[in-house]
Full PDB file with SEQRES, HELIX, SHEET, SSBOND, CRYST1, ORIGX, SCALE, CONECT and MASTER records, all heavy atoms in Angstrom:
SEQRES   1 A   42  THR VAL TYR GLY ASP SER PRO SER VAL ILE TYR ASP HIS          
SEQRES   2 A   42  ILE SER TYR THR TRP SER GLN THR HIS ARG ARG CYS LEU          
SEQRES   3 A   42  GLN LEU ALA SER SER ILE THR ASN LEU GLY ILE GLY ARG          
SEQRES   4 A   42  GLY HIS VAL                                                  
HELIX    1 AA1 TRP A   18  ASN A   34  1                                  17    
SHEET    1 AA1 2 PRO A   7  TYR A  11  0                                        
SHEET    2 AA1 2 ILE A  14  THR A  17 -1                                        
CRYST1    1.000    1.000    1.000  90.00  90.00  90.00 P 1           1          
ORIGX1      1.000000  0.000000  0.000000        0.00000                         
ORIGX2      0.000000  1.000000  0.000000        0.00000                         
ORIGX3      0.000000  0.000000  1.000000        0.00000                         
SCALE1      1.000000  0.000000  0.000000        0.00000                         
SCALE2      0.000000  1.000000  0.000000        0.00000                         
SCALE3      0.000000  0.000000  1.000000        0.00000                         
ATOM      1  N   THR A   1       0.814  -1.249   0.003  1.00  0.00           N  
ATOM      2  CA  THR A   1       0.011  -0.004  -0.013  1.00  0.00           C  
ATOM      3  C   THR A   1       0.847   1.258   0.014  1.00  0.00           C  
ATOM      4  O   THR A   1       0.609   2.180  -0.785  1.00  0.00           O  
ATOM      5  CB  THR A   1      -0.911   0.020   1.245  1.00  0.00           C  
ATOM      6  OG1 THR A   1      -1.757  -1.134   1.191  1.00  0.00           O  
ATOM      7  CG2 THR A   1      -1.703   1.248   1.223  1.00  0.00           C  
ATOM      8  N   VAL A   2       1.844   1.326   0.904  1.00  0.00           N  
ATOM      9  CA  VAL A   2       2.620   2.521   1.079  1.00  0.00           C  
ATOM     10  C   VAL A   2       3.717   2.673   0.016  1.00  0.00           C  
ATOM     11  O   VAL A   2       4.022   3.730  -0.474  1.00  0.00           O  
ATOM     12  CB  VAL A   2       3.240   2.543   2.499  1.00  0.00           C  
ATOM     13  CG1 VAL A   2       4.070   3.821   2.718  1.00  0.00           C  
ATOM     14  CG2 VAL A   2       2.163   2.401   3.563  1.00  0.00           C  
ATOM     15  N   TYR A   3       4.362   1.481  -0.322  1.00  0.00           N  
ATOM     16  CA  TYR A   3       5.530   1.518  -1.205  1.00  0.00           C  
ATOM     17  C   TYR A   3       5.223   0.766  -2.464  1.00  0.00           C  
ATOM     18  O   TYR A   3       6.171   0.179  -3.055  1.00  0.00           O  
ATOM     19  CB  TYR A   3       6.761   0.994  -0.500  1.00  0.00           C  
ATOM     20  CG  TYR A   3       6.998   1.552   0.848  1.00  0.00           C  
ATOM     21  CD1 TYR A   3       6.721   0.851   2.056  1.00  0.00           C  
ATOM     22  CD2 TYR A   3       7.534   2.873   0.947  1.00  0.00           C  
ATOM     23  CE1 TYR A   3       6.993   1.418   3.296  1.00  0.00           C  
ATOM     24  CE2 TYR A   3       7.819   3.405   2.231  1.00  0.00           C  
ATOM     25  CZ  TYR A   3       7.482   2.640   3.415  1.00  0.00           C  
ATOM     26  OH  TYR A   3       7.769   3.247   4.587  1.00  0.00           O  
ATOM     27  N   GLY A   4       4.006   0.694  -2.906  1.00  0.00           N  
ATOM     28  CA  GLY A   4       3.596  -0.187  -3.980  1.00  0.00           C  
ATOM     29  C   GLY A   4       4.376  -0.087  -5.231  1.00  0.00           C  
ATOM     30  O   GLY A   4       4.665  -1.103  -5.906  1.00  0.00           O  
ATOM     31  N   ASP A   5       4.758   1.147  -5.597  1.00  0.00           N  
ATOM     32  CA  ASP A   5       5.492   1.367  -6.867  1.00  0.00           C  
ATOM     33  C   ASP A   5       7.004   1.370  -6.723  1.00  0.00           C  
ATOM     34  O   ASP A   5       7.755   1.561  -7.662  1.00  0.00           O  
ATOM     35  CB  ASP A   5       5.066   2.695  -7.552  1.00  0.00           C  
ATOM     36  CG  ASP A   5       3.553   2.658  -7.995  1.00  0.00           C  
ATOM     37  OD1 ASP A   5       3.104   1.515  -8.274  1.00  0.00           O  
ATOM     38  OD2 ASP A   5       2.956   3.722  -7.970  1.00  0.00           O  
ATOM     39  N   SER A   6       7.451   1.227  -5.474  1.00  0.00           N  
ATOM     40  CA  SER A   6       8.916   1.184  -5.178  1.00  0.00           C  
ATOM     41  C   SER A   6       9.459  -0.173  -5.378  1.00  0.00           C  
ATOM     42  O   SER A   6       8.806  -1.145  -5.190  1.00  0.00           O  
ATOM     43  CB  SER A   6       9.156   1.691  -3.789  1.00  0.00           C  
ATOM     44  OG  SER A   6       8.684   3.054  -3.567  1.00  0.00           O  
ATOM     45  N   PRO A   7      10.780  -0.245  -5.707  1.00  0.00           N  
ATOM     46  CA  PRO A   7      11.378  -1.591  -5.975  1.00  0.00           C  
ATOM     47  C   PRO A   7      11.473  -2.365  -4.695  1.00  0.00           C  
ATOM     48  O   PRO A   7      11.869  -1.923  -3.620  1.00  0.00           O  
ATOM     49  CB  PRO A   7      12.741  -1.224  -6.488  1.00  0.00           C  
ATOM     50  CG  PRO A   7      13.023   0.178  -6.050  1.00  0.00           C  
ATOM     51  CD  PRO A   7      11.691   0.862  -6.001  1.00  0.00           C  
ATOM     52  N   SER A   8      11.073  -3.613  -4.776  1.00  0.00           N  
ATOM     53  CA  SER A   8      11.152  -4.584  -3.653  1.00  0.00           C  
ATOM     54  C   SER A   8      12.328  -5.498  -3.712  1.00  0.00           C  
ATOM     55  O   SER A   8      13.113  -5.738  -2.765  1.00  0.00           O  
ATOM     56  CB  SER A   8       9.829  -5.373  -3.546  1.00  0.00           C  
ATOM     57  OG  SER A   8       9.599  -6.052  -4.713  1.00  0.00           O  
ATOM     58  N   VAL A   9      12.475  -6.084  -4.950  1.00  0.00           N  
ATOM     59  CA  VAL A   9      13.555  -7.054  -5.180  1.00  0.00           C  
ATOM     60  C   VAL A   9      14.166  -6.776  -6.462  1.00  0.00           C  
ATOM     61  O   VAL A   9      13.514  -6.607  -7.523  1.00  0.00           O  
ATOM     62  CB  VAL A   9      12.976  -8.496  -5.199  1.00  0.00           C  
ATOM     63  CG1 VAL A   9      14.097  -9.582  -5.429  1.00  0.00           C  
ATOM     64  CG2 VAL A   9      12.222  -8.794  -3.904  1.00  0.00           C  
ATOM     65  N   ILE A  10      15.525  -6.759  -6.510  1.00  0.00           N  
ATOM     66  CA  ILE A  10      16.352  -6.596  -7.713  1.00  0.00           C  
ATOM     67  C   ILE A  10      17.283  -7.771  -7.806  1.00  0.00           C  
ATOM     68  O   ILE A  10      18.057  -8.009  -6.806  1.00  0.00           O  
ATOM     69  CB  ILE A  10      17.080  -5.238  -7.733  1.00  0.00           C  
ATOM     70  CG1 ILE A  10      16.117  -4.075  -7.733  1.00  0.00           C  
ATOM     71  CG2 ILE A  10      17.980  -5.221  -8.977  1.00  0.00           C  
ATOM     72  CD1 ILE A  10      16.801  -2.758  -7.593  1.00  0.00           C  
ATOM     73  N   TYR A  11      17.278  -8.450  -8.926  1.00  0.00           N  
ATOM     74  CA  TYR A  11      18.151  -9.622  -9.099  1.00  0.00           C  
ATOM     75  C   TYR A  11      18.441  -9.772 -10.574  1.00  0.00           C  
ATOM     76  O   TYR A  11      17.533 -10.010 -11.409  1.00  0.00           O  
ATOM     77  CB  TYR A  11      17.387 -10.930  -8.594  1.00  0.00           C  
ATOM     78  CG  TYR A  11      18.058 -12.202  -8.938  1.00  0.00           C  
ATOM     79  CD1 TYR A  11      19.236 -12.614  -8.358  1.00  0.00           C  
ATOM     80  CD2 TYR A  11      17.470 -13.046  -9.909  1.00  0.00           C  
ATOM     81  CE1 TYR A  11      19.808 -13.855  -8.649  1.00  0.00           C  
ATOM     82  CE2 TYR A  11      18.011 -14.279 -10.192  1.00  0.00           C  
ATOM     83  CZ  TYR A  11      19.176 -14.655  -9.600  1.00  0.00           C  
ATOM     84  OH  TYR A  11      19.740 -15.887  -9.907  1.00  0.00           O  
ATOM     85  N   ASP A  12      19.758  -9.638 -10.888  1.00  0.00           N  
ATOM     86  CA  ASP A  12      20.132  -9.740 -12.291  1.00  0.00           C  
ATOM     87  C   ASP A  12      19.340  -8.809 -13.144  1.00  0.00           C  
ATOM     88  O   ASP A  12      19.276  -7.617 -12.890  1.00  0.00           O  
ATOM     89  CB  ASP A  12      20.036 -11.207 -12.745  1.00  0.00           C  
ATOM     90  CG  ASP A  12      20.837 -11.504 -13.984  1.00  0.00           C  
ATOM     91  OD1 ASP A  12      21.737 -10.735 -14.287  1.00  0.00           O  
ATOM     92  OD2 ASP A  12      20.545 -12.545 -14.680  1.00  0.00           O  
ATOM     93  N   HIS A  13      18.551  -9.297 -14.173  1.00  0.00           N  
ATOM     94  CA  HIS A  13      17.723  -8.436 -14.953  1.00  0.00           C  
ATOM     95  C   HIS A  13      16.284  -8.371 -14.461  1.00  0.00           C  
ATOM     96  O   HIS A  13      15.480  -7.733 -15.078  1.00  0.00           O  
ATOM     97  CB  HIS A  13      17.662  -8.987 -16.374  1.00  0.00           C  
ATOM     98  CG  HIS A  13      17.126 -10.389 -16.501  1.00  0.00           C  
ATOM     99  ND1 HIS A  13      17.799 -11.481 -16.154  1.00  0.00           N  
ATOM    100  CD2 HIS A  13      15.861 -10.796 -16.854  1.00  0.00           C  
ATOM    101  CE1 HIS A  13      17.002 -12.557 -16.302  1.00  0.00           C  
ATOM    102  NE2 HIS A  13      15.883 -12.149 -16.734  1.00  0.00           N  
ATOM    103  N   ILE A  14      16.050  -8.999 -13.308  1.00  0.00           N  
ATOM    104  CA  ILE A  14      14.671  -9.009 -12.761  1.00  0.00           C  
ATOM    105  C   ILE A  14      14.463  -7.909 -11.766  1.00  0.00           C  
ATOM    106  O   ILE A  14      15.375  -7.644 -10.911  1.00  0.00           O  
ATOM    107  CB  ILE A  14      14.338 -10.400 -12.121  1.00  0.00           C  
ATOM    108  CG1 ILE A  14      14.373 -11.486 -13.180  1.00  0.00           C  
ATOM    109  CG2 ILE A  14      13.019 -10.372 -11.420  1.00  0.00           C  
ATOM    110  CD1 ILE A  14      14.299 -12.902 -12.486  1.00  0.00           C  
ATOM    111  N   SER A  15      13.323  -7.230 -11.775  1.00  0.00           N  
ATOM    112  CA  SER A  15      13.054  -6.223 -10.787  1.00  0.00           C  
ATOM    113  C   SER A  15      11.494  -6.280 -10.499  1.00  0.00           C  
ATOM    114  O   SER A  15      10.724  -6.237 -11.424  1.00  0.00           O  
ATOM    115  CB  SER A  15      13.411  -4.852 -11.235  1.00  0.00           C  
ATOM    116  OG  SER A  15      13.127  -3.884 -10.311  1.00  0.00           O  
ATOM    117  N   TYR A  16      11.145  -6.315  -9.236  1.00  0.00           N  
ATOM    118  CA  TYR A  16       9.769  -6.273  -8.773  1.00  0.00           C  
ATOM    119  C   TYR A  16       9.479  -5.054  -7.909  1.00  0.00           C  
ATOM    120  O   TYR A  16      10.431  -4.572  -7.236  1.00  0.00           O  
ATOM    121  CB  TYR A  16       9.356  -7.577  -8.031  1.00  0.00           C  
ATOM    122  CG  TYR A  16       9.473  -8.852  -8.848  1.00  0.00           C  
ATOM    123  CD1 TYR A  16      10.232  -9.882  -8.432  1.00  0.00           C  
ATOM    124  CD2 TYR A  16       8.688  -8.997  -9.980  1.00  0.00           C  
ATOM    125  CE1 TYR A  16      10.354 -11.080  -9.158  1.00  0.00           C  
ATOM    126  CE2 TYR A  16       8.711 -10.189 -10.721  1.00  0.00           C  
ATOM    127  CZ  TYR A  16       9.601 -11.186 -10.267  1.00  0.00           C  
ATOM    128  OH  TYR A  16       9.685 -12.348 -11.014  1.00  0.00           O  
ATOM    129  N   THR A  17       8.278  -4.638  -7.908  1.00  0.00           N  
ATOM    130  CA  THR A  17       7.839  -3.627  -6.909  1.00  0.00           C  
ATOM    131  C   THR A  17       7.119  -4.271  -5.718  1.00  0.00           C  
ATOM    132  O   THR A  17       6.859  -5.474  -5.837  1.00  0.00           O  
ATOM    133  CB  THR A  17       6.801  -2.604  -7.597  1.00  0.00           C  
ATOM    134  OG1 THR A  17       5.616  -3.386  -7.941  1.00  0.00           O  
ATOM    135  CG2 THR A  17       7.388  -2.001  -8.839  1.00  0.00           C  
ATOM    136  N   TRP A  18       6.829  -3.529  -4.694  1.00  0.00           N  
ATOM    137  CA  TRP A  18       6.209  -4.125  -3.595  1.00  0.00           C  
ATOM    138  C   TRP A  18       4.791  -4.626  -3.842  1.00  0.00           C  
ATOM    139  O   TRP A  18       4.382  -5.605  -3.289  1.00  0.00           O  
ATOM    140  CB  TRP A  18       6.245  -3.150  -2.330  1.00  0.00           C  
ATOM    141  CG  TRP A  18       7.598  -3.122  -1.666  1.00  0.00           C  
ATOM    142  CD1 TRP A  18       8.491  -2.145  -1.650  1.00  0.00           C  
ATOM    143  CD2 TRP A  18       8.124  -4.194  -0.880  1.00  0.00           C  
ATOM    144  NE1 TRP A  18       9.600  -2.490  -0.901  1.00  0.00           N  
ATOM    145  CE2 TRP A  18       9.390  -3.810  -0.421  1.00  0.00           C  
ATOM    146  CE3 TRP A  18       7.705  -5.507  -0.590  1.00  0.00           C  
ATOM    147  CZ2 TRP A  18      10.236  -4.629   0.308  1.00  0.00           C  
ATOM    148  CZ3 TRP A  18       8.466  -6.329   0.209  1.00  0.00           C  
ATOM    149  CH2 TRP A  18       9.786  -5.923   0.652  1.00  0.00           C  
ATOM    150  N   SER A  19       4.114  -3.965  -4.688  1.00  0.00           N  
ATOM    151  CA  SER A  19       2.780  -4.460  -5.067  1.00  0.00           C  
ATOM    152  C   SER A  19       2.867  -5.750  -5.851  1.00  0.00           C  
ATOM    153  O   SER A  19       2.016  -6.647  -5.595  1.00  0.00           O  
ATOM    154  CB  SER A  19       2.039  -3.401  -5.905  1.00  0.00           C  
ATOM    155  OG  SER A  19       2.725  -3.101  -7.081  1.00  0.00           O  
ATOM    156  N   GLN A  20       3.916  -5.893  -6.703  1.00  0.00           N  
ATOM    157  CA  GLN A  20       4.068  -7.159  -7.421  1.00  0.00           C  
ATOM    158  C   GLN A  20       4.501  -8.256  -6.487  1.00  0.00           C  
ATOM    159  O   GLN A  20       4.022  -9.385  -6.580  1.00  0.00           O  
ATOM    160  CB  GLN A  20       5.163  -6.931  -8.514  1.00  0.00           C  
ATOM    161  CG  GLN A  20       4.730  -6.091  -9.672  1.00  0.00           C  
ATOM    162  CD  GLN A  20       5.788  -5.808 -10.651  1.00  0.00           C  
ATOM    163  OE1 GLN A  20       6.926  -5.531 -10.210  1.00  0.00           O  
ATOM    164  NE2 GLN A  20       5.485  -5.710 -11.924  1.00  0.00           N  
ATOM    165  N   THR A  21       5.395  -7.941  -5.544  1.00  0.00           N  
ATOM    166  CA  THR A  21       5.857  -9.010  -4.614  1.00  0.00           C  
ATOM    167  C   THR A  21       4.666  -9.460  -3.754  1.00  0.00           C  
ATOM    168  O   THR A  21       4.531 -10.692  -3.494  1.00  0.00           O  
ATOM    169  CB  THR A  21       6.982  -8.481  -3.689  1.00  0.00           C  
ATOM    170  OG1 THR A  21       8.143  -8.195  -4.552  1.00  0.00           O  
ATOM    171  CG2 THR A  21       7.375  -9.472  -2.647  1.00  0.00           C  
ATOM    172  N   HIS A  22       3.850  -8.581  -3.328  1.00  0.00           N  
ATOM    173  CA  HIS A  22       2.630  -8.876  -2.541  1.00  0.00           C  
ATOM    174  C   HIS A  22       1.747  -9.792  -3.328  1.00  0.00           C  
ATOM    175  O   HIS A  22       1.234 -10.831  -2.806  1.00  0.00           O  
ATOM    176  CB  HIS A  22       1.926  -7.610  -2.146  1.00  0.00           C  
ATOM    177  CG  HIS A  22       0.701  -7.820  -1.300  1.00  0.00           C  
ATOM    178  ND1 HIS A  22      -0.495  -7.220  -1.653  1.00  0.00           N  
ATOM    179  CD2 HIS A  22       0.485  -8.582  -0.230  1.00  0.00           C  
ATOM    180  CE1 HIS A  22      -1.449  -7.671  -0.738  1.00  0.00           C  
ATOM    181  NE2 HIS A  22      -0.903  -8.400   0.113  1.00  0.00           N  
ATOM    182  N   ARG A  23       1.505  -9.472  -4.548  1.00  0.00           N  
ATOM    183  CA  ARG A  23       0.580 -10.284  -5.364  1.00  0.00           C  
ATOM    184  C   ARG A  23       1.152 -11.634  -5.626  1.00  0.00           C  
ATOM    185  O   ARG A  23       0.486 -12.647  -5.547  1.00  0.00           O  
ATOM    186  CB  ARG A  23       0.329  -9.556  -6.699  1.00  0.00           C  
ATOM    187  CG  ARG A  23      -0.711 -10.362  -7.565  1.00  0.00           C  
ATOM    188  CD  ARG A  23      -1.052  -9.541  -8.823  1.00  0.00           C  
ATOM    189  NE  ARG A  23       0.035  -9.354  -9.715  1.00  0.00           N  
ATOM    190  CZ  ARG A  23       0.663  -8.185  -9.869  1.00  0.00           C  
ATOM    191  NH1 ARG A  23       0.220  -7.082  -9.209  1.00  0.00           N  
ATOM    192  NH2 ARG A  23       1.667  -8.061 -10.711  1.00  0.00           N  
ATOM    193  N   ARG A  24       2.415 -11.747  -5.918  1.00  0.00           N  
ATOM    194  CA  ARG A  24       3.129 -13.008  -6.178  1.00  0.00           C  
ATOM    195  C   ARG A  24       3.059 -13.878  -4.977  1.00  0.00           C  
ATOM    196  O   ARG A  24       2.862 -15.127  -4.987  1.00  0.00           O  
ATOM    197  CB  ARG A  24       4.534 -12.819  -6.644  1.00  0.00           C  
ATOM    198  CG  ARG A  24       4.679 -12.252  -8.081  1.00  0.00           C  
ATOM    199  CD  ARG A  24       6.145 -11.854  -8.403  1.00  0.00           C  
ATOM    200  NE  ARG A  24       7.060 -12.939  -8.304  1.00  0.00           N  
ATOM    201  CZ  ARG A  24       7.266 -13.855  -9.280  1.00  0.00           C  
ATOM    202  NH1 ARG A  24       6.589 -13.721 -10.477  1.00  0.00           N  
ATOM    203  NH2 ARG A  24       8.182 -14.864  -9.116  1.00  0.00           N  
ATOM    204  N   CYS A  25       3.291 -13.335  -3.752  1.00  0.00           N  
ATOM    205  CA  CYS A  25       3.209 -14.112  -2.515  1.00  0.00           C  
ATOM    206  C   CYS A  25       1.797 -14.642  -2.250  1.00  0.00           C  
ATOM    207  O   CYS A  25       1.640 -15.779  -1.847  1.00  0.00           O  
ATOM    208  CB  CYS A  25       3.698 -13.292  -1.328  1.00  0.00           C  
ATOM    209  SG  CYS A  25       5.460 -12.955  -1.384  1.00  0.00           S  
ATOM    210  N   LEU A  26       0.795 -13.832  -2.514  1.00  0.00           N  
ATOM    211  CA  LEU A  26      -0.555 -14.298  -2.393  1.00  0.00           C  
ATOM    212  C   LEU A  26      -0.904 -15.441  -3.363  1.00  0.00           C  
ATOM    213  O   LEU A  26      -1.518 -16.463  -2.968  1.00  0.00           O  
ATOM    214  CB  LEU A  26      -1.552 -13.126  -2.642  1.00  0.00           C  
ATOM    215  CG  LEU A  26      -1.656 -12.075  -1.569  1.00  0.00           C  
ATOM    216  CD1 LEU A  26      -2.565 -10.995  -1.975  1.00  0.00           C  
ATOM    217  CD2 LEU A  26      -2.123 -12.673  -0.226  1.00  0.00           C  
ATOM    218  N   GLN A  27      -0.429 -15.316  -4.631  1.00  0.00           N  
ATOM    219  CA  GLN A  27      -0.683 -16.412  -5.582  1.00  0.00           C  
ATOM    220  C   GLN A  27       0.014 -17.634  -5.128  1.00  0.00           C  
ATOM    221  O   GLN A  27      -0.623 -18.777  -5.276  1.00  0.00           O  
ATOM    222  CB  GLN A  27      -0.171 -15.969  -6.950  1.00  0.00           C  
ATOM    223  CG  GLN A  27      -0.975 -14.865  -7.661  1.00  0.00           C  
ATOM    224  CD  GLN A  27      -0.374 -14.435  -8.931  1.00  0.00           C  
ATOM    225  OE1 GLN A  27       0.299 -13.431  -9.042  1.00  0.00           O  
ATOM    226  NE2 GLN A  27      -0.609 -15.236  -9.983  1.00  0.00           N  
ATOM    227  N   LEU A  28       1.236 -17.543  -4.687  1.00  0.00           N  
ATOM    228  CA  LEU A  28       1.969 -18.762  -4.263  1.00  0.00           C  
ATOM    229  C   LEU A  28       1.333 -19.379  -3.027  1.00  0.00           C  
ATOM    230  O   LEU A  28       1.180 -20.603  -2.941  1.00  0.00           O  
ATOM    231  CB  LEU A  28       3.449 -18.400  -3.973  1.00  0.00           C  
ATOM    232  CG  LEU A  28       4.391 -19.493  -3.813  1.00  0.00           C  
ATOM    233  CD1 LEU A  28       4.376 -20.407  -5.047  1.00  0.00           C  
ATOM    234  CD2 LEU A  28       5.806 -19.051  -3.518  1.00  0.00           C  
ATOM    235  N   ALA A  29       0.923 -18.561  -2.075  1.00  0.00           N  
ATOM    236  CA  ALA A  29       0.249 -19.108  -0.859  1.00  0.00           C  
ATOM    237  C   ALA A  29      -1.036 -19.836  -1.251  1.00  0.00           C  
ATOM    238  O   ALA A  29      -1.316 -20.885  -0.665  1.00  0.00           O  
ATOM    239  CB  ALA A  29       0.000 -18.002   0.103  1.00  0.00           C  
ATOM    240  N   SER A  30      -1.699 -19.246  -2.194  1.00  0.00           N  
ATOM    241  CA  SER A  30      -2.962 -19.873  -2.673  1.00  0.00           C  
ATOM    242  C   SER A  30      -2.675 -21.231  -3.282  1.00  0.00           C  
ATOM    243  O   SER A  30      -3.440 -22.212  -2.926  1.00  0.00           O  
ATOM    244  CB  SER A  30      -3.621 -18.957  -3.708  1.00  0.00           C  
ATOM    245  OG  SER A  30      -4.717 -19.597  -4.407  1.00  0.00           O  
ATOM    246  N   SER A  31      -1.678 -21.332  -4.087  1.00  0.00           N  
ATOM    247  CA  SER A  31      -1.345 -22.581  -4.704  1.00  0.00           C  
ATOM    248  C   SER A  31      -0.874 -23.655  -3.699  1.00  0.00           C  
ATOM    249  O   SER A  31      -1.166 -24.851  -3.836  1.00  0.00           O  
ATOM    250  CB  SER A  31      -0.314 -22.372  -5.807  1.00  0.00           C  
ATOM    251  OG  SER A  31      -0.881 -21.723  -6.913  1.00  0.00           O  
ATOM    252  N   ILE A  32      -0.124 -23.233  -2.735  1.00  0.00           N  
ATOM    253  CA  ILE A  32       0.296 -24.107  -1.691  1.00  0.00           C  
ATOM    254  C   ILE A  32      -0.837 -24.734  -0.926  1.00  0.00           C  
ATOM    255  O   ILE A  32      -1.001 -25.867  -0.656  1.00  0.00           O  
ATOM    256  CB  ILE A  32       1.284 -23.422  -0.713  1.00  0.00           C  
ATOM    257  CG1 ILE A  32       2.579 -23.107  -1.416  1.00  0.00           C  
ATOM    258  CG2 ILE A  32       1.576 -24.321   0.506  1.00  0.00           C  
ATOM    259  CD1 ILE A  32       3.578 -22.244  -0.650  1.00  0.00           C  
ATOM    260  N   THR A  33      -1.851 -23.834  -0.628  1.00  0.00           N  
ATOM    261  CA  THR A  33      -3.097 -24.238   0.046  1.00  0.00           C  
ATOM    262  C   THR A  33      -3.825 -25.256  -0.793  1.00  0.00           C  
ATOM    263  O   THR A  33      -4.359 -26.253  -0.282  1.00  0.00           O  
ATOM    264  CB  THR A  33      -3.971 -23.019   0.353  1.00  0.00           C  
ATOM    265  OG1 THR A  33      -3.200 -22.054   1.121  1.00  0.00           O  
ATOM    266  CG2 THR A  33      -5.140 -23.434   1.166  1.00  0.00           C  
ATOM    267  N   ASN A  34      -3.870 -25.018  -2.111  1.00  0.00           N  
ATOM    268  CA  ASN A  34      -4.626 -25.891  -2.978  1.00  0.00           C  
ATOM    269  C   ASN A  34      -4.035 -27.312  -3.128  1.00  0.00           C  
ATOM    270  O   ASN A  34      -4.673 -28.250  -3.512  1.00  0.00           O  
ATOM    271  CB  ASN A  34      -4.689 -25.288  -4.446  1.00  0.00           C  
ATOM    272  CG  ASN A  34      -5.605 -24.088  -4.468  1.00  0.00           C  
ATOM    273  OD1 ASN A  34      -6.489 -23.892  -3.667  1.00  0.00           O  
ATOM    274  ND2 ASN A  34      -5.357 -23.176  -5.441  1.00  0.00           N  
ATOM    275  N   LEU A  35      -2.764 -27.424  -2.705  1.00  0.00           N  
ATOM    276  CA  LEU A  35      -2.073 -28.721  -2.641  1.00  0.00           C  
ATOM    277  C   LEU A  35      -2.457 -29.529  -1.369  1.00  0.00           C  
ATOM    278  O   LEU A  35      -1.985 -30.582  -1.181  1.00  0.00           O  
ATOM    279  CB  LEU A  35      -0.575 -28.557  -2.711  1.00  0.00           C  
ATOM    280  CG  LEU A  35       0.010 -28.048  -4.016  1.00  0.00           C  
ATOM    281  CD1 LEU A  35       1.518 -27.763  -3.853  1.00  0.00           C  
ATOM    282  CD2 LEU A  35      -0.266 -29.028  -5.116  1.00  0.00           C  
ATOM    283  N   GLY A  36      -3.289 -28.842  -0.525  1.00  0.00           N  
ATOM    284  CA  GLY A  36      -3.687 -29.534   0.726  1.00  0.00           C  
ATOM    285  C   GLY A  36      -2.733 -29.309   1.856  1.00  0.00           C  
ATOM    286  O   GLY A  36      -2.776 -30.045   2.853  1.00  0.00           O  
ATOM    287  N   ILE A  37      -1.860 -28.264   1.696  1.00  0.00           N  
ATOM    288  CA  ILE A  37      -0.890 -27.981   2.755  1.00  0.00           C  
ATOM    289  C   ILE A  37      -1.260 -26.757   3.489  1.00  0.00           C  
ATOM    290  O   ILE A  37      -1.670 -25.756   2.903  1.00  0.00           O  
ATOM    291  CB  ILE A  37       0.526 -27.808   2.042  1.00  0.00           C  
ATOM    292  CG1 ILE A  37       0.941 -29.127   1.442  1.00  0.00           C  
ATOM    293  CG2 ILE A  37       1.539 -27.321   3.059  1.00  0.00           C  
ATOM    294  CD1 ILE A  37       2.222 -29.010   0.572  1.00  0.00           C  
ATOM    295  N   GLY A  38      -1.170 -26.804   4.813  1.00  0.00           N  
ATOM    296  CA  GLY A  38      -1.536 -25.701   5.647  1.00  0.00           C  
ATOM    297  C   GLY A  38      -1.088 -25.846   7.099  1.00  0.00           C  
ATOM    298  O   GLY A  38       0.051 -26.270   7.341  1.00  0.00           O  
ATOM    299  N   ARG A  39      -1.923 -25.462   8.017  1.00  0.00           N  
ATOM    300  CA  ARG A  39      -1.488 -25.476   9.441  1.00  0.00           C  
ATOM    301  C   ARG A  39      -1.004 -26.836   9.838  1.00  0.00           C  
ATOM    302  O   ARG A  39      -1.568 -27.899   9.479  1.00  0.00           O  
ATOM    303  CB  ARG A  39      -2.712 -25.146  10.303  1.00  0.00           C  
ATOM    304  CG  ARG A  39      -3.314 -23.758  10.057  1.00  0.00           C  
ATOM    305  CD  ARG A  39      -4.393 -23.472  11.098  1.00  0.00           C  
ATOM    306  NE  ARG A  39      -5.208 -22.304  10.752  1.00  0.00           N  
ATOM    307  CZ  ARG A  39      -4.837 -21.080  10.969  1.00  0.00           C  
ATOM    308  NH1 ARG A  39      -3.692 -20.771  11.566  1.00  0.00           N  
ATOM    309  NH2 ARG A  39      -5.662 -20.021  10.683  1.00  0.00           N  
ATOM    310  N   GLY A  40       0.082 -26.821  10.609  1.00  0.00           N  
ATOM    311  CA  GLY A  40       0.670 -28.082  11.101  1.00  0.00           C  
ATOM    312  C   GLY A  40       1.599 -28.790  10.128  1.00  0.00           C  
ATOM    313  O   GLY A  40       2.256 -29.785  10.495  1.00  0.00           O  
ATOM    314  N   HIS A  41       1.735 -28.233   8.939  1.00  0.00           N  
ATOM    315  CA  HIS A  41       2.665 -28.810   7.913  1.00  0.00           C  
ATOM    316  C   HIS A  41       3.923 -28.019   7.848  1.00  0.00           C  
ATOM    317  O   HIS A  41       3.881 -26.778   8.096  1.00  0.00           O  
ATOM    318  CB  HIS A  41       1.939 -28.929   6.501  1.00  0.00           C  
ATOM    319  CG  HIS A  41       0.737 -29.824   6.542  1.00  0.00           C  
ATOM    320  ND1 HIS A  41      -0.286 -29.609   5.724  1.00  0.00           N  
ATOM    321  CD2 HIS A  41       0.495 -30.982   7.264  1.00  0.00           C  
ATOM    322  CE1 HIS A  41      -1.229 -30.584   5.868  1.00  0.00           C  
ATOM    323  NE2 HIS A  41      -0.762 -31.404   6.820  1.00  0.00           N  
ATOM    324  N   VAL A  42       4.959 -28.628   7.387  1.00  0.00           N  
ATOM    325  CA  VAL A  42       6.236 -27.973   7.190  1.00  0.00           C  
ATOM    326  C   VAL A  42       6.536 -27.975   5.696  1.00  0.00           C  
ATOM    327  O   VAL A  42       6.361 -28.983   4.944  1.00  0.00           O  
ATOM    328  CB  VAL A  42       7.372 -28.732   7.937  1.00  0.00           C  
ATOM    329  CG1 VAL A  42       8.754 -28.170   7.488  1.00  0.00           C  
ATOM    330  CG2 VAL A  42       7.197 -28.604   9.429  1.00  0.00           C  
TER     331      VAL A  42                                                      
MASTER        0    0    0    1    2    0    0    6  330    1    0    4          
END                                                                             
């Protein structure tokens, strides 16, 4: 929200903003949950 357009991660030729990192983390968490993985799992 506060730093949405600011760079979050820079790696080689890749660069993300904080809004992009937030969205990517939500997508990944969603997919992990869809695999049946959640509380109590490592």
